[in-house]
């Protein structure tokens, strides 16, 4: 999997991580991947909800260095 863009949203609180994600994923072509790193506890709920609402695929959620790392695939 080739990650096309990376967003470091650590230190940002809701709704900023998802707002940054929404803006940046819009610049990608369908099928491209984006990685979001966030440490906001609300992101655990907000990012999957954003994917359900927008139709983008949440590929993985892992944890690294005290932050959650989300990988999404743009679907359209």
C-alpha atoms as a PDB file:
ATOM      1  CA  UNK A   1       0.000   0.000   0.000  1.00  0.00           C
ATOM      2  CA  UNK A   2       1.403   3.346  -1.074  1.00  0.00           C
ATOM      3  CA  UNK A   3       0.374   6.202   1.235  1.00  0.00           C
ATOM      4  CA  UNK A   4      -0.156   9.329  -0.886  1.00  0.00           C
ATOM      5  CA  UNK A   5      -0.527  11.842   1.951  1.00  0.00           C
ATOM      6  CA  UNK A   6       0.166  12.063   5.690  1.00  0.00           C
ATOM      7  CA  UNK A   7      -1.573  14.284   8.228  1.00  0.00           C
ATOM      8  CA  UNK A   8      -0.138  14.883  11.682  1.00  0.00           C
ATOM      9  CA  UNK A   9      -3.075  16.080  13.770  1.00  0.00           C
ATOM     10  CA  UNK A  10      -1.514  15.296  17.140  1.00  0.00           C
ATOM     11  CA  UNK A  11      -2.298  17.971  19.675  1.00  0.00           C
ATOM     12  CA  UNK A  12      -5.469  19.010  17.836  1.00  0.00           C
ATOM     13  CA  UNK A  13      -8.902  18.523  19.360  1.00  0.00           C
ATOM     14  CA  UNK A  14     -12.250  17.650  17.812  1.00  0.00           C
ATOM     15  CA  UNK A  15     -13.286  18.531  15.156  1.00  0.00           C
ATOM     16  CA  UNK A  16      -9.912  19.625  13.726  1.00  0.00           C
ATOM     17  CA  UNK A  17      -8.441  16.168  12.910  1.00  0.00           C
ATOM     18  CA  UNK A  18     -11.483  15.201  10.815  1.00  0.00           C
ATOM     19  CA  UNK A  19     -11.706  18.654   9.215  1.00  0.00           C
ATOM     20  CA  UNK A  20      -8.065  18.387   8.105  1.00  0.00           C
ATOM     21  CA  UNK A  21      -8.723  14.859   6.843  1.00  0.00           C
ATOM     22  CA  UNK A  22     -11.793  15.918   4.866  1.00  0.00           C
ATOM     23  CA  UNK A  23      -9.911  18.784   3.222  1.00  0.00           C
ATOM     24  CA  UNK A  24      -6.837  16.735   2.287  1.00  0.00           C
ATOM     25  CA  UNK A  25      -8.649  13.588   1.120  1.00  0.00           C
ATOM     26  CA  UNK A  26     -10.468  15.789  -1.384  1.00  0.00           C
ATOM     27  CA  UNK A  27      -7.183  16.364  -3.223  1.00  0.00           C
ATOM     28  CA  UNK A  28      -6.560  12.626  -3.732  1.00  0.00           C
ATOM     29  CA  UNK A  29      -7.633  10.469  -6.654  1.00  0.00           C
ATOM     30  CA  UNK A  30     -10.000   7.558  -5.991  1.00  0.00           C
ATOM     31  CA  UNK A  31      -8.056   4.532  -4.746  1.00  0.00           C
ATOM     32  CA  UNK A  32      -5.276   6.565  -3.124  1.00  0.00           C
ATOM     33  CA  UNK A  33      -4.443   6.182   0.567  1.00  0.00           C
ATOM     34  CA  UNK A  34      -4.038   8.807   3.278  1.00  0.00           C
ATOM     35  CA  UNK A  35      -2.683   8.416   6.802  1.00  0.00           C
ATOM     36  CA  UNK A  36      -3.951  10.459   9.750  1.00  0.00           C
ATOM     37  CA  UNK A  37      -2.127  10.535  13.073  1.00  0.00           C
ATOM     38  CA  UNK A  38      -4.227  11.898  15.964  1.00  0.00           C
ATOM     39  CA  UNK A  39      -4.165  11.762  19.746  1.00  0.00           C
ATOM     40  CA  UNK A  40      -7.583  13.313  20.367  1.00  0.00           C
ATOM     41  CA  UNK A  41      -9.709  10.693  22.207  1.00  0.00           C
ATOM     42  CA  UNK A  42     -12.754  11.741  20.144  1.00  0.00           C
ATOM     43  CA  UNK A  43     -10.991  10.735  16.907  1.00  0.00           C
ATOM     44  CA  UNK A  44     -11.602   7.081  17.800  1.00  0.00           C
ATOM     45  CA  UNK A  45     -15.299   7.766  17.196  1.00  0.00           C
ATOM     46  CA  UNK A  46     -15.063  10.651  14.721  1.00  0.00           C
ATOM     47  CA  UNK A  47     -12.832   9.078  12.053  1.00  0.00           C
ATOM     48  CA  UNK A  48     -14.891   5.878  11.596  1.00  0.00           C
ATOM     49  CA  UNK A  49     -18.071   7.988  11.607  1.00  0.00           C
ATOM     50  CA  UNK A  50     -16.585  10.256   8.919  1.00  0.00           C
ATOM     51  CA  UNK A  51     -15.765   7.181   6.812  1.00  0.00           C
ATOM     52  CA  UNK A  52     -19.308   5.835   7.166  1.00  0.00           C
ATOM     53  CA  UNK A  53     -20.794   9.194   6.184  1.00  0.00           C
ATOM     54  CA  UNK A  54     -18.413   9.929   3.301  1.00  0.00           C
ATOM     55  CA  UNK A  55     -18.099   6.400   1.922  1.00  0.00           C
ATOM     56  CA  UNK A  56     -14.308   6.265   2.209  1.00  0.00           C
ATOM     57  CA  UNK A  57     -12.770   3.004   3.410  1.00  0.00           C
ATOM     58  CA  UNK A  58     -11.122   2.844   6.831  1.00  0.00           C
ATOM     59  CA  UNK A  59      -8.314   0.399   6.061  1.00  0.00           C
ATOM     60  CA  UNK A  60      -6.607   0.212   9.453  1.00  0.00           C
ATOM     61  CA  UNK A  61      -6.320   1.743  12.895  1.00  0.00           C
ATOM     62  CA  UNK A  62      -3.136   1.208  14.872  1.00  0.00           C
ATOM     63  CA  UNK A  63      -1.438   2.921  17.772  1.00  0.00           C
ATOM     64  CA  UNK A  64       2.078   4.359  17.748  1.00  0.00           C
ATOM     65  CA  UNK A  65       3.827   6.688  20.175  1.00  0.00           C
ATOM     66  CA  UNK A  66       0.631   7.523  22.077  1.00  0.00           C
ATOM     67  CA  UNK A  67      -1.398   8.387  18.982  1.00  0.00           C
ATOM     68  CA  UNK A  68      -3.843   6.538  16.782  1.00  0.00           C
ATOM     69  CA  UNK A  69      -2.784   6.056  13.179  1.00  0.00           C
ATOM     70  CA  UNK A  70      -5.658   5.796  10.691  1.00  0.00           C
ATOM     71  CA  UNK A  71      -5.201   4.709   7.088  1.00  0.00           C
ATOM     72  CA  UNK A  72      -8.056   5.500   4.719  1.00  0.00           C
ATOM     73  CA  UNK A  73      -8.640   4.742   1.047  1.00  0.00           C
ATOM     74  CA  UNK A  74     -10.498   7.337  -0.996  1.00  0.00           C
ATOM     75  CA  UNK A  75     -13.369   5.612  -2.763  1.00  0.00           C
ATOM     76  CA  UNK A  76     -14.773   8.368  -4.957  1.00  0.00           C
END
